[in-house]
C-alpha atoms as a PDB file:
ATOM      1  CA  MET A   1      81.483  62.805  98.285  1.00  0.00           C
ATOM      2  CA  ARG A   2      84.490  61.081  96.710  1.00  0.00           C
ATOM      3  CA  ASP A   3      84.680  57.680  95.329  1.00  0.00           C
ATOM      4  CA  SER A   4      85.486  54.948  97.182  1.00  0.00           C
ATOM      5  CA  VAL A   5      88.659  52.865  96.217  1.00  0.00           C
ATOM      6  CA  PRO A   6      88.253  48.906  95.715  1.00  0.00           C
ATOM      7  CA  LYS A   7      90.046  47.043  98.929  1.00  0.00           C
ATOM      8  CA  ASP A   8      93.002  45.810  96.929  1.00  0.00           C
ATOM      9  CA  VAL A   9      93.457  49.204  95.434  1.00  0.00           C
ATOM     10  CA  GLU A  10      93.403  50.272  98.807  1.00  0.00           C
ATOM     11  CA  ALA A  11      95.521  47.862 100.194  1.00  0.00           C
ATOM     12  CA  LYS A  12      98.172  49.044  97.538  1.00  0.00           C
ATOM     13  CA  ILE A  13      98.509  52.649  98.254  1.00  0.00           C
ATOM     14  CA  VAL A  14      98.830  51.981 102.383  1.00  0.00           C
ATOM     15  CA  GLU A  15     101.467  49.641 101.297  1.00  0.00           C
ATOM     16  CA  LYS A  16     103.344  52.125  98.855  1.00  0.00           C
ATOM     17  CA  SER A  17     103.102  55.004 100.838  1.00  0.00           C
ATOM     18  CA  THR A  18     104.476  53.080 103.882  1.00  0.00           C
ATOM     19  CA  LEU A  19     107.343  52.192 102.125  1.00  0.00           C
ATOM     20  CA  GLY A  20     107.522  56.102 100.702  1.00  0.00           C
ATOM     21  CA  ARG A  21     107.275  57.661 104.090  1.00  0.00           C
ATOM     22  CA  ASP A  22     110.064  55.453 105.448  1.00  0.00           C
ATOM     23  CA  ALA A  23     112.339  55.954 102.238  1.00  0.00           C
ATOM     24  CA  TRP A  24     111.671  59.657 102.965  1.00  0.00           C
ATOM     25  CA  LYS A  25     113.028  58.975 106.593  1.00  0.00           C
ATOM     26  CA  SER A  26     116.099  57.089 105.394  1.00  0.00           C
ATOM     27  CA  ALA A  27     116.754  60.319 103.142  1.00  0.00           C
ATOM     28  CA  ARG A  28     116.275  57.762 100.082  1.00  0.00           C
ATOM     29  CA  VAL A  29     114.258  60.713  98.200  1.00  0.00           C
ATOM     30  CA  SER A  30     114.038  59.479  95.214  1.00  0.00           C
ATOM     31  CA  GLU A  31     112.781  55.844  95.887  1.00  0.00           C
ATOM     32  CA  ALA A  32     110.277  57.767  98.114  1.00  0.00           C
ATOM     33  CA  GLU A  33     109.017  59.691  95.327  1.00  0.00           C
ATOM     34  CA  GLY A  34     108.843  56.639  93.218  1.00  0.00           C
ATOM     35  CA  TYR A  35     106.869  54.822  95.776  1.00  0.00           C
ATOM     36  CA  PHE A  36     104.327  58.100  96.446  1.00  0.00           C
ATOM     37  CA  LEU A  37     103.984  58.256  92.690  1.00  0.00           C
ATOM     38  CA  GLU A  38     103.039  54.432  92.716  1.00  0.00           C
ATOM     39  CA  ALA A  39     100.059  55.358  95.087  1.00  0.00           C
ATOM     40  CA  TRP A  40      98.894  57.946  92.818  1.00  0.00           C
ATOM     41  CA  ASN A  41      99.063  55.681  89.881  1.00  0.00           C
ATOM     42  CA  ALA A  42      97.139  53.058  91.926  1.00  0.00           C
ATOM     43  CA  LEU A  43      93.690  55.312  92.017  1.00  0.00           C
ATOM     44  CA  PRO A  44      91.428  54.303  88.937  1.00  0.00           C
ATOM     45  CA  GLN A  45      90.699  57.141  86.541  1.00  0.00           C
ATOM     46  CA  PRO A  46      89.492  60.096  86.887  1.00  0.00           C
ATOM     47  CA  ARG A  47      92.104  59.922  90.198  1.00  0.00           C
ATOM     48  CA  THR A  48      90.914  63.192  90.998  1.00  0.00           C
ATOM     49  CA  SER A  49      87.286  61.779  91.952  1.00  0.00           C
ATOM     50  CA  TYR A  50      88.623  58.819  94.402  1.00  0.00           C
ATOM     51  CA  ASP A  51      88.920  59.210  98.564  1.00  0.00           C
ATOM     52  CA  TYR A  52      92.548  58.693  98.460  1.00  0.00           C
ATOM     53  CA  ALA A  53      92.939  61.706  96.101  1.00  0.00           C
ATOM     54  CA  GLN A  54      93.128  64.283  98.428  1.00  0.00           C
ATOM     55  CA  SER A  55      95.350  62.556 100.911  1.00  0.00           C
ATOM     56  CA  ILE A  56      97.817  61.515  98.504  1.00  0.00           C
ATOM     57  CA  SER A  57      97.845  64.859  96.369  1.00  0.00           C
ATOM     58  CA  ARG A  58      98.378  66.379  99.753  1.00  0.00           C
ATOM     59  CA  GLY A  59     101.204  64.394 100.829  1.00  0.00           C
ATOM     60  CA  LEU A  60     102.815  64.656  97.362  1.00  0.00           C
ATOM     61  CA  VAL A  61     102.647  68.619  98.064  1.00  0.00           C
ATOM     62  CA  THR A  62     104.484  68.184 101.386  1.00  0.00           C
ATOM     63  CA  PHE A  63     107.087  65.959  99.874  1.00  0.00           C
ATOM     64  CA  TYR A  64     108.172  68.333  96.976  1.00  0.00           C
ATOM     65  CA  ARG A  65     108.051  71.479  99.285  1.00  0.00           C
ATOM     66  CA  ASP A  66     110.089  69.629 102.138  1.00  0.00           C
ATOM     67  CA  THR A  67     112.375  68.053  99.727  1.00  0.00           C
ATOM     68  CA  GLN A  68     112.947  71.116  97.768  1.00  0.00           C
ATOM     69  CA  GLN A  69     111.524  70.381  94.313  1.00  0.00           C
ATOM     70  CA  PHE A  70     109.636  73.188  94.135  1.00  0.00           C
ATOM     71  CA  PRO A  71     108.449  73.215  90.479  1.00  0.00           C
ATOM     72  CA  LYS A  72     107.128  69.167  91.286  1.00  0.00           C
ATOM     73  CA  ALA A  73     105.090  71.319  94.468  1.00  0.00           C
ATOM     74  CA  PHE A  74     103.529  73.623  92.710  1.00  0.00           C
ATOM     75  CA  GLN A  75     102.299  71.025  90.046  1.00  0.00           C
ATOM     76  CA  TRP A  76     100.734  68.951  92.695  1.00  0.00           C
ATOM     77  CA  LEU A  77      99.433  71.791  94.732  1.00  0.00           C
ATOM     78  CA  ASP A  78      97.211  72.418  91.423  1.00  0.00           C
ATOM     79  CA  VAL A  79      96.473  68.369  91.502  1.00  0.00           C
ATOM     80  CA  MET A  80      95.517  68.689  95.329  1.00  0.00           C
ATOM     81  CA  ARG A  81      92.799  71.879  94.355  1.00  0.00           C
ATOM     82  CA  GLU A  82      91.452  69.924  91.763  1.00  0.00           C
ATOM     83  CA  ALA A  83      91.279  66.998  94.311  1.00  0.00           C
ATOM     84  CA  TYR A  84      89.578  69.118  96.859  1.00  0.00           C
ATOM     85  CA  GLY A  85      87.297  71.412  94.810  1.00  0.00           C
ATOM     86  CA  PRO A  86      85.819  72.201  93.035  1.00  0.00           C
ATOM     87  CA  GLU A  87      85.525  75.026  95.929  1.00  0.00           C
ATOM     88  CA  PRO A  88      88.430  76.867  97.243  1.00  0.00           C
ATOM     89  CA  ASN A  89      89.627  75.040 100.351  1.00  0.00           C
ATOM     90  CA  ASP A  90      91.294  76.880 103.354  1.00  0.00           C
ATOM     91  CA  SER A  91      93.819  74.054 104.295  1.00  0.00           C
ATOM     92  CA  VAL A  92      94.742  73.430 100.679  1.00  0.00           C
ATOM     93  CA  GLU A  93      95.398  77.181 100.328  1.00  0.00           C
ATOM     94  CA  PHE A  94      97.538  77.159 103.483  1.00  0.00           C
ATOM     95  CA  ILE A  95      99.561  74.803 102.028  1.00  0.00           C
ATOM     96  CA  GLY A  96      99.940  76.553  98.859  1.00  0.00           C
ATOM     97  CA  ALA A  97     101.273  79.857 101.178  1.00  0.00           C
ATOM     98  CA  THR A  98     103.612  77.693 102.769  1.00  0.00           C
ATOM     99  CA  VAL A  99     105.013  76.456  99.329  1.00  0.00           C
ATOM    100  CA  HIS A 100     105.268  80.173  98.405  1.00  0.00           C
ATOM    101  CA  PHE A 101     107.067  80.959 101.669  1.00  0.00           C
ATOM    102  CA  GLU A 102     109.629  78.327 101.038  1.00  0.00           C
ATOM    103  CA  THR A 103     110.417  79.364  97.472  1.00  0.00           C
ATOM    104  CA  GLY A 104     111.133  82.503  98.732  1.00  0.00           C
ATOM    105  CA  ASN A 105     108.170  84.249  97.325  1.00  0.00           C
ATOM    106  CA  LEU A 106     106.983  86.023 100.700  1.00  0.00           C
ATOM    107  CA  ASP A 107     104.662  88.381  99.396  1.00  0.00           C
ATOM    108  CA  GLU A 108     102.230  85.510  97.626  1.00  0.00           C
ATOM    109  CA  ALA A 109     102.734  83.549 100.870  1.00  0.00           C
ATOM    110  CA  PHE A 110     101.672  86.530 102.861  1.00  0.00           C
ATOM    111  CA  ARG A 111      99.067  87.421 100.661  1.00  0.00           C
ATOM    112  CA  ILE A 112      97.376  83.883 101.138  1.00  0.00           C
ATOM    113  CA  PHE A 113      98.277  83.834 104.965  1.00  0.00           C
ATOM    114  CA  ASP A 114      96.769  87.181 105.380  1.00  0.00           C
ATOM    115  CA  ASP A 115      93.245  86.164 103.924  1.00  0.00           C
ATOM    116  CA  LEU A 116      92.697  82.772 106.099  1.00  0.00           C
ATOM    117  CA  ALA A 117      93.676  85.015 109.263  1.00  0.00           C
ATOM    118  CA  LYS A 118      91.265  87.583 108.257  1.00  0.00           C
ATOM    119  CA  ARG A 119      88.506  85.241 107.844  1.00  0.00           C
ATOM    120  CA  LEU A 120      89.562  82.250 110.522  1.00  0.00           C
ATOM    121  CA  LYS A 121      91.762  84.210 113.085  1.00  0.00           C
ATOM    122  CA  LEU A 122      94.739  82.263 113.626  1.00  0.00           C
ATOM    123  CA  ARG A 123      93.290  78.504 113.477  1.00  0.00           C
ATOM    124  CA  PRO A 124      95.028  77.549 110.351  1.00  0.00           C
ATOM    125  CA  PHE A 125      98.194  77.877 112.049  1.00  0.00           C
ATOM    126  CA  GLN A 126      97.547  75.500 114.843  1.00  0.00           C
ATOM    127  CA  GLY A 127      99.667  72.714 115.222  1.00  0.00           C
ATOM    128  CA  LYS A 128     101.597  73.572 112.091  1.00  0.00           C
ATOM    129  CA  ASP A 129     105.538  74.364 111.974  1.00  0.00           C
ATOM    130  CA  PRO A 130     105.507  78.073 114.067  1.00  0.00           C
ATOM    131  CA  LYS A 131     108.220  79.547 111.671  1.00  0.00           C
ATOM    132  CA  TYR A 132     104.722  80.365 109.121  1.00  0.00           C
ATOM    133  CA  LEU A 133     102.954  82.343 111.945  1.00  0.00           C
ATOM    134  CA  ASP A 134     106.024  84.174 112.882  1.00  0.00           C
ATOM    135  CA  PHE A 135     106.084  85.326 109.668  1.00  0.00           C
ATOM    136  CA  TYR A 136     102.774  86.256 109.800  1.00  0.00           C
ATOM    137  CA  LYS A 137     102.701  88.173 112.768  1.00  0.00           C
ATOM    138  CA  LYS A 138     105.982  89.798 111.869  1.00  0.00           C
ATOM    139  CA  ARG A 139     104.789  90.886 108.465  1.00  0.00           C
ATOM    140  CA  SER A 140     101.689  91.751 109.910  1.00  0.00           C
ATOM    141  CA  LYS A 141     102.964  94.507 112.133  1.00  0.00           C
ATOM    142  CA  GLY A 142     105.050  95.761 108.975  1.00  0.00           C
ATOM    143  CA  ALA A 143     102.017  96.240 107.159  1.00  0.00           C
ATOM    144  CA  LYS A 144     100.302  98.397 109.462  1.00  0.00           C
END
């Protein structure tokens, strides 16, 4: 179980995260990044032991993936794994596969998607961008 943050810290995280999402929607990527990092930095040390560490790090991976800042996406993927750890997490691994997919590392993306699908069927793909499932299905047929 993760530690809870004090109410004032939670308010700051919510405020900065909201400002970040608004800036991102308005294509102010640099400004959005600043707000998201302020939300992260509002967490007490050690940050990954707090309950908001999972959602903030997940949001940062998604943000960096979607804004094509892939080195940062991979850096935050490591932080996200730590926040969700110590055991591997299927949701984290799925996001990792999407980062590999978006960088063009299709072999690694397929490897992770395939591992998840063998264990969980197609559940990890539900509610996600259909391009990932389309890729997996096409690659699976070619692999047989």
